Protein backbone atom coordinates (compact mmCIF):
# COMPACT_ATOMS: atom_id res chain seq x y z
CA MET A 1 14.22 4.11 7.28
CA GLY A 2 15.43 2.22 4.05
CA VAL A 3 15.21 5.24 1.47
CA PRO A 4 18.13 6.36 -0.15
CA LEU A 5 19.21 9.99 0.17
CA ARG A 6 18.10 11.42 -3.39
CA GLN A 7 15.12 9.88 -2.93
CA GLN A 8 14.65 11.86 0.42
CA LEU A 9 15.70 14.76 -1.05
CA ALA A 10 13.28 14.63 -3.80
CA VAL A 11 9.99 13.95 -2.05
CA GLY A 12 11.10 16.53 0.50
CA SER A 13 12.04 19.24 -1.77
CA TYR A 14 8.36 18.27 -3.49
CA LEU A 15 6.53 18.58 -0.14
CA ILE A 16 8.09 21.86 0.38
CA LYS A 17 6.87 23.52 -2.94
CA GLN A 18 3.64 22.25 -2.12
CA LYS A 19 3.46 23.89 1.47
CA LEU A 20 4.92 27.06 -0.11
CA LYS A 21 2.38 27.13 -2.72
CA GLY A 22 -0.24 26.62 -0.51
CA ILE A 23 -1.51 23.68 -1.98
CA LYS A 24 -4.10 21.52 0.25
CA LYS A 25 -4.79 18.47 -1.24
CA TYR A 26 -1.24 17.12 -3.44
CA PRO A 27 -0.54 13.32 -4.13
CA LEU A 28 2.76 11.90 -2.99
CA VAL A 29 1.97 8.42 -4.83
CA LEU A 30 0.46 7.60 -8.16
CA MET A 31 -1.03 4.18 -7.72
CA LEU A 32 -0.77 2.85 -11.40
CA GLU A 33 -2.80 -0.05 -12.70
CA PRO A 34 -2.08 -0.68 -16.09
CA LEU A 35 -4.26 -4.19 -15.63
CA TYR A 36 -6.64 -6.54 -13.20
CA ARG A 37 -4.98 -9.54 -14.77
CA CYS A 38 -3.12 -11.82 -12.27
CA ASN A 39 -1.32 -15.16 -12.26
CA LEU A 40 -2.83 -15.78 -8.79
CA ALA A 41 -5.50 -15.71 -6.59
CA CYS A 42 -4.67 -14.96 -3.28
CA ALA A 43 -7.67 -14.81 -0.16
CA GLY A 44 -7.32 -11.37 0.62
CA CYS A 45 -7.55 -9.83 -2.87
CA GLY A 46 -10.33 -7.58 -4.41
CA LYS A 47 -8.86 -6.79 -7.39
CA ILE A 48 -9.37 -9.99 -9.63
CA ASP A 49 -13.01 -10.34 -9.12
CA HIS A 50 -14.09 -9.19 -12.20
CA PRO A 51 -15.15 -10.58 -15.86
CA ASP A 52 -12.67 -11.53 -18.32
CA GLU A 53 -13.48 -8.94 -20.51
CA ILE A 54 -12.48 -6.25 -17.65
CA LEU A 55 -9.32 -8.76 -16.58
CA ASP A 56 -8.30 -8.52 -20.41
CA LYS A 57 -8.35 -4.53 -20.28
CA ARG A 58 -5.02 -3.07 -20.44
CA LEU A 59 -3.67 0.75 -20.19
CA SER A 60 -1.78 2.04 -23.04
CA VAL A 61 1.86 3.20 -22.67
CA GLN A 62 0.42 6.89 -23.58
CA GLU A 63 -2.41 6.44 -20.94
CA CYS A 64 0.11 5.26 -18.24
CA LEU A 65 2.55 8.47 -18.76
CA ASP A 66 -0.45 10.95 -19.40
CA ALA A 67 -1.42 9.93 -15.67
CA VAL A 68 1.87 9.99 -14.26
CA ASP A 69 2.04 13.75 -16.12
CA GLU A 70 -1.66 14.70 -14.80
CA CYS A 71 -0.55 13.81 -11.03
CA ASN A 72 2.61 14.46 -11.22
CA ALA A 73 3.62 12.96 -7.69
CA PRO A 74 6.81 12.23 -7.08
CA MET A 75 6.65 8.53 -6.64
CA VAL A 76 4.31 6.01 -8.85
CA SER A 77 3.27 2.32 -7.87
CA ILE A 78 2.45 0.00 -10.13
CA PRO A 79 0.17 -2.59 -8.62
CA GLY A 80 -2.02 -4.58 -10.33
CA GLY A 81 -3.14 -7.48 -10.83
CA GLU A 82 0.34 -8.98 -11.91
CA PRO A 83 2.15 -6.19 -14.03
CA LEU A 84 4.57 -8.28 -15.54
CA ILE A 85 1.93 -9.99 -17.69
CA HIS A 86 1.77 -6.46 -19.17
CA LYS A 87 3.61 -6.76 -22.37
CA GLU A 88 4.31 -2.91 -22.52
CA MET A 89 5.47 -2.31 -19.07
CA PRO A 90 9.23 -2.22 -19.90
CA GLU A 91 8.30 0.84 -21.95
CA ILE A 92 5.97 1.70 -19.21
CA VAL A 93 8.87 1.94 -17.01
CA LYS A 94 10.93 3.58 -18.98
CA GLY A 95 9.16 6.78 -19.60
CA ILE A 96 8.42 7.19 -15.86
CA VAL A 97 12.24 6.89 -14.90
CA GLU A 98 12.91 9.03 -17.81
CA ARG A 99 10.65 11.69 -16.13
CA LYS A 100 12.92 11.04 -12.99
CA LYS A 101 9.60 10.08 -10.75
CA PHE A 102 10.41 6.97 -8.27
CA VAL A 103 8.50 3.88 -9.88
CA TYR A 104 7.85 0.61 -7.58
CA LEU A 105 6.70 -2.08 -9.66
CA CYS A 106 4.93 -4.40 -7.55
CA THR A 107 5.18 -7.98 -8.36
CA ASN A 108 4.57 -11.54 -6.87
CA ALA A 109 8.26 -12.15 -8.78
CA LEU A 110 6.83 -15.48 -10.78
CA LEU A 111 7.61 -13.79 -14.00
CA LEU A 112 10.44 -11.59 -12.75
CA LYS A 113 13.13 -14.35 -13.73
CA LYS A 114 11.99 -14.11 -17.12
CA ARG A 115 11.32 -10.72 -17.71
CA ILE A 116 14.23 -9.23 -15.61
CA LYS A 117 16.43 -8.50 -18.97
CA ASP A 118 13.35 -6.16 -20.02
CA TYR A 119 14.57 -3.98 -17.46
CA THR A 120 17.70 -1.62 -16.69
CA PRO A 121 18.83 -0.77 -12.89
CA SER A 122 18.52 2.81 -12.30
CA PRO A 123 17.92 4.75 -9.02
CA TYR A 124 14.47 5.57 -10.13
CA LEU A 125 13.46 1.96 -10.59
CA THR A 126 12.51 -0.64 -7.56
CA PHE A 127 11.22 -3.63 -7.64
CA SER A 128 8.82 -4.02 -4.86
CA ILE A 129 8.57 -8.16 -4.41
CA HIS A 130 5.18 -9.33 -2.71
CA LEU A 131 6.10 -11.31 0.36
CA ASP A 132 3.57 -11.98 3.26
CA GLY A 133 5.87 -13.77 5.60
CA ASN A 134 7.85 -16.36 5.82
CA GLN A 135 7.37 -19.98 3.34
CA ALA A 136 4.46 -21.43 4.95
CA ARG A 137 2.49 -17.87 5.35
CA HIS A 138 3.37 -16.52 2.40
CA ASP A 139 2.47 -19.47 0.31
CA THR A 140 -0.67 -20.14 2.16
CA SER A 141 -1.65 -16.79 1.78
CA VAL A 142 -1.21 -16.90 -2.12
CA CYS A 143 -3.18 -20.04 -1.87
CA GLN A 144 -0.21 -21.53 -3.77
CA ASP A 145 2.76 -23.93 -2.83
CA GLY A 146 6.48 -23.02 -4.01
CA VAL A 147 5.52 -19.00 -4.54
CA PHE A 148 7.90 -18.20 -1.72
CA ASP A 149 11.09 -19.66 -2.90
CA ILE A 150 10.72 -18.33 -6.77
CA ALA A 151 10.05 -14.75 -4.89
CA VAL A 152 13.43 -15.46 -2.83
CA ASP A 153 15.36 -16.85 -5.99
CA ALA A 154 13.97 -13.56 -7.73
CA ILE A 155 14.89 -11.35 -5.31
CA LYS A 156 18.47 -12.71 -5.00
CA LEU A 157 18.56 -12.59 -8.77
CA ALA A 158 17.54 -9.08 -8.84
CA LEU A 159 20.11 -7.58 -6.42
CA SER A 160 22.90 -9.63 -8.20
CA LYS A 161 22.25 -7.50 -11.40
CA GLY A 162 22.04 -4.05 -9.00
CA PHE A 163 18.33 -3.33 -9.23
CA ARG A 164 16.58 -1.44 -6.32
CA VAL A 165 14.61 -4.36 -4.39
CA THR A 166 11.83 -3.83 -1.58
CA VAL A 167 9.42 -6.46 -0.03
CA ASN A 168 5.94 -5.67 0.19
CA CYS A 169 3.92 -7.40 3.05
CA THR A 170 0.78 -7.45 3.97
CA LEU A 171 -0.62 -8.94 7.28
CA PHE A 172 -3.58 -11.04 7.72
CA GLN A 173 -5.43 -12.88 10.86
CA GLY A 174 -2.88 -15.40 12.76
CA GLU A 175 0.04 -13.51 12.50
CA THR A 176 2.38 -13.77 15.75
CA ALA A 177 4.20 -10.67 16.42
CA SER A 178 7.48 -13.15 16.91
CA GLU A 179 6.94 -14.68 13.55
CA VAL A 180 7.06 -11.24 11.78
CA ALA A 181 10.19 -10.61 13.25
CA ASP A 182 11.76 -13.36 12.06
CA PHE A 183 10.68 -12.35 8.54
CA LEU A 184 12.02 -9.27 8.58
CA ASP A 185 14.91 -10.99 9.85
CA TYR A 186 15.34 -12.65 6.83
CA VAL A 187 14.61 -10.26 4.37
CA THR A 188 16.77 -7.87 6.28
CA GLU A 189 19.73 -10.43 5.79
CA LEU A 190 18.85 -11.23 2.32
CA GLY A 191 19.95 -7.56 1.63
CA VAL A 192 16.53 -6.11 0.67
CA GLU A 193 16.41 -2.15 0.64
CA GLY A 194 13.49 -1.88 3.01
CA VAL A 195 9.95 -3.29 3.88
CA THR A 196 6.56 -2.13 3.26
CA ILE A 197 4.19 -3.50 5.97
CA ALA A 198 0.68 -3.42 6.86
CA PRO A 199 -2.35 -4.46 7.93
CA GLY A 200 -4.69 -6.30 4.52
CA PHE A 201 -7.60 -4.04 3.70
CA SER A 202 -10.77 -5.89 4.32
CA TYR A 203 -11.50 -5.44 0.19
CA GLU A 204 -15.29 -6.10 -0.42
CA HIS A 205 -14.72 -8.70 -2.98
CA ALA A 206 -12.02 -10.79 -1.36
CA PRO A 207 -12.88 -13.83 -1.80
CA GLN A 208 -12.28 -14.99 1.70
CA GLN A 209 -13.60 -12.13 4.60
CA ASP A 210 -12.15 -14.07 7.82
CA VAL A 211 -8.58 -13.55 7.03
CA PHE A 212 -8.16 -9.57 8.07
CA ILE A 213 -7.20 -8.55 11.34
CA LYS A 214 -8.95 -5.37 12.63
CA GLY A 215 -9.04 -3.16 15.70
CA LYS A 216 -6.90 -3.44 18.13
CA ASP A 217 -5.40 -6.33 17.36
CA VAL A 218 -3.37 -4.59 14.97
CA LYS A 219 -2.26 -2.16 16.96
CA ASP A 220 -0.99 -4.88 19.59
CA LEU A 221 0.40 -7.22 16.50
CA PHE A 222 2.53 -4.07 15.76
CA ARG A 223 3.64 -2.78 19.40
CA GLY A 224 4.57 -6.39 19.84
CA ILE A 225 6.65 -6.54 16.29
CA PHE A 226 8.27 -3.14 17.49
CA SER A 227 9.37 -4.41 20.77
CA ILE A 228 11.24 -7.37 19.75
CA GLY A 229 12.70 -5.29 16.51
CA LYS A 230 13.88 -2.21 18.83
CA ASN A 231 17.41 -3.25 18.53
CA ARG A 232 17.24 -5.04 15.37
CA GLN A 233 18.63 -3.57 12.11
CA TRP A 234 15.50 -3.68 10.09
CA LYS A 235 14.55 -0.80 7.01
CA LEU A 236 11.01 -0.26 7.10
CA ASN A 237 9.67 1.87 4.22
CA HIS A 238 7.89 4.09 6.38
CA SER A 239 7.43 7.46 8.00
CA SER A 240 8.02 7.33 12.02
CA LEU A 241 4.81 8.40 12.59
CA TYR A 242 3.17 5.77 10.28
CA LEU A 243 4.87 3.18 12.30
CA ASP A 244 3.60 4.74 15.62
CA PHE A 245 0.21 5.04 14.10
CA LEU A 246 0.21 0.96 13.58
CA ALA A 247 1.24 1.09 17.22
CA GLY A 248 -2.01 2.76 18.47
CA ASN A 249 -0.02 6.17 19.71
CA GLN A 250 -1.06 8.25 16.48
CA ALA A 251 -5.30 8.99 16.16
CA TYR A 252 -5.00 9.72 12.31
CA GLU A 253 -7.80 10.30 9.88
CA CYS A 254 -6.43 9.12 6.14
CA THR A 255 -5.64 11.25 3.25
CA PRO A 256 -7.25 9.39 0.30
CA TRP A 257 -5.82 11.93 -2.39
CA GLY A 258 -1.86 11.27 -0.97
CA ASN A 259 -2.08 8.18 -3.01
CA PRO A 260 -4.82 8.69 -5.91
CA THR A 261 -5.33 5.22 -8.44
CA ARG A 262 -5.39 5.21 -11.99
CA ASN A 263 -6.92 1.86 -12.99
CA VAL A 264 -8.22 0.75 -16.78
CA PHE A 265 -11.60 2.28 -15.24
CA GLY A 266 -10.27 6.00 -15.06
CA TRP A 267 -9.12 7.79 -12.25
CA GLN A 268 -11.11 6.19 -8.95
CA LYS A 269 -13.15 7.46 -6.11
CA PRO A 270 -11.82 7.99 -3.31
CA CYS A 271 -8.65 5.73 -3.01
CA TYR A 272 -7.04 2.72 -4.31
CA LEU A 273 -9.24 0.40 -1.82
CA LEU A 274 -12.37 1.45 -2.42
CA ALA A 275 -13.57 -0.03 -5.86
CA ASP A 276 -17.41 0.52 -5.83
CA GLU A 277 -17.14 4.60 -5.75
CA GLY A 278 -17.10 5.66 -9.24
CA HIS A 279 -14.42 6.67 -11.27
CA VAL A 280 -13.83 10.11 -13.25
CA ASP A 281 -11.60 10.93 -16.40
CA THR A 282 -8.97 13.12 -15.16
CA PHE A 283 -7.10 13.79 -11.73
CA GLN A 284 -8.74 17.07 -11.74
CA GLU A 285 -12.29 15.89 -11.68
CA LEU A 286 -11.59 13.58 -9.00
CA LEU A 287 -10.01 16.28 -6.69
CA ASP A 288 -12.90 18.31 -7.38
CA THR A 289 -16.11 15.83 -7.62
CA THR A 290 -14.87 13.26 -5.01
CA PRO A 291 -17.00 13.85 -1.35
CA TRP A 292 -14.13 13.26 0.70
CA GLU A 293 -15.80 14.07 3.60
CA LYS A 294 -17.81 10.64 3.48
CA TYR A 295 -15.27 8.56 3.63
CA GLY A 296 -12.24 7.97 6.24
CA ASN A 297 -12.75 5.54 9.59
CA VAL A 298 -14.83 8.00 11.59
CA ASN A 299 -17.24 8.99 8.57
CA ASN A 300 -17.45 5.82 6.40
CA ALA A 301 -17.99 2.03 7.42
CA LYS A 302 -16.38 0.62 4.74
CA CYS A 303 -13.20 2.56 6.04
CA ALA A 304 -14.03 1.92 10.11
CA ASN A 305 -10.91 -0.63 9.87
CA CYS A 306 -8.45 0.71 7.74
CA MET A 307 -4.62 1.18 8.88
CA ALA A 308 -3.12 1.00 5.41
CA HIS A 309 -0.15 3.34 4.42
CA CYS A 310 -1.69 4.34 1.47
CA GLY A 311 -4.71 6.18 3.19
CA TYR A 312 -2.70 7.10 6.50
CA GLU A 313 1.46 7.24 5.49
CA ALA A 314 0.57 10.92 4.00
CA THR A 315 -1.21 11.97 7.01
CA ALA A 316 1.83 11.04 8.54
CA VAL A 317 3.83 12.85 6.52
CA GLU A 318 1.71 15.90 6.97
CA ASP A 319 2.20 15.40 10.68
CA MET A 320 5.83 15.35 10.47
CA LEU A 321 5.75 18.49 8.39
CA ALA A 322 3.98 20.16 11.04
CA HIS A 323 5.40 18.44 14.06
CA PRO A 324 9.26 17.47 12.59
CA VAL A 325 10.48 17.09 16.61
CA LYS A 326 7.61 15.04 17.49
CA GLY A 327 8.46 13.08 14.22
CA LEU A 328 12.48 13.06 14.98
CA MET A 329 11.79 11.67 18.26
CA VAL A 330 9.76 8.95 17.36
CA ALA A 331 12.11 8.38 14.86
CA LEU A 332 15.32 8.12 17.35
CA ARG A 333 13.15 6.16 19.82
CA GLY A 334 10.74 3.87 17.83
CA PRO A 335 7.24 3.68 18.36
CA LYS A 336 6.04 3.12 22.05
CA THR A 337 5.00 -0.45 22.81
CA GLN A 338 3.25 -0.01 26.19
CA GLY A 339 1.10 2.09 27.92
CA ASP A 340 -2.32 3.57 26.99
CA MET A 341 -3.12 3.50 23.29
CA VAL A 342 -4.61 7.12 21.98
CA GLU A 343 -8.52 7.01 21.98
CA VAL A 344 -10.10 6.42 18.71
CA ALA A 345 -12.77 9.08 17.46
CA ALA A 346 -16.64 7.51 17.77
CA PRO A 347 -18.26 6.81 14.34
CA ASN A 348 -20.33 9.24 12.67
CA TYR A 349 -22.27 7.24 10.69
CA VAL A 350 -25.05 4.66 12.10
CA GLU A 351 -23.45 0.86 12.57
CA VAL A 352 -25.53 -2.07 11.23
CA ASP A 353 -25.91 -4.21 14.07
CA ALA A 354 -29.28 -6.44 13.39
CA VAL A 355 -31.11 -8.47 11.38
CA ASN A 356 -34.93 -8.29 10.58
CA THR A 357 -36.78 -9.83 7.56
CA ILE A 358 -39.25 -8.24 5.05
CA ALA A 359 -41.49 -11.03 3.39
CA GLY A 360 -39.49 -13.90 5.03
CA ILE A 361 -36.10 -12.30 3.39
CA PRO A 362 -33.38 -11.34 5.94
CA VAL A 363 -32.20 -7.56 5.46
CA LYS A 364 -29.88 -5.52 7.52
CA VAL A 365 -30.90 -2.65 9.50
CA GLU A 366 -29.32 0.43 11.21
CA SER A 367 -29.84 0.73 14.59
């Protein structure tokens, strides 16, 4: 695991405190989105499909820090949009670090060389740089040539200045296990602290819907990756049981309150990935009023193919706390890459599988 001991101990202490207090629903990572505006238009992104008046909105420094205090999660991830566009981002990061929260500033790195002087290295700050594979794969994913090279140069610069640096990799259709393994070798040689890796979520508003990898294809891909990586020194920023889940060896339901989202609309129901389910004014209201039972891959068609870490890493951590020996064994041996996969529970929702017409207009009907 590519996470420093200081952070492991802080997060572990937080988890134990929640258990001792008997708290059932608690946040692990705050997803803080101070803006939606971005300087890229990636094929699989569902975050920038908003009119200009929304893309021009920004959370203030105070709103961001209030969200950090209100939620009180030990880690804060700042995605977007592109956070480095936000003129007050250095002040936001400074305030989070002063609270001794571990902040992951997610960036496509196009602006990092210009803005890096605005930040100070800290054990509480990590630049999480977006790379969806090697050069051709990443530039295709972000729909712009040359971005990979800029990001790699930014990684080298940040590392040379003493910053913590990780890579955030999203996998899409057409990936091969050997291709992903080569990429993991490459970024490991760059010297990054670790890699976050997960299949892309099929955002309803993404401009291209045919780029997402789903179901058993995801598990087969990760089994291939982990099989190649058994004797390689990759540092993956995930719990061992989440990686085991990606390989089809754990049957998990998501824990959406584990990664609550605060964005320009408010606190987003139910999670970071579903943007059309409504917003509330406070974190407590999010916990109290969200119909959690209506979501998850068994209960909601929108969640059917999701295996994203923002939904399932918290579940894996809970399982690790409940079954530490199982978690340790997977950590020592690595995810199982052969044999049967665990059975997936049958959905409770009715799937749409037919098209009828009313007055000559095609409409979907439930079977």
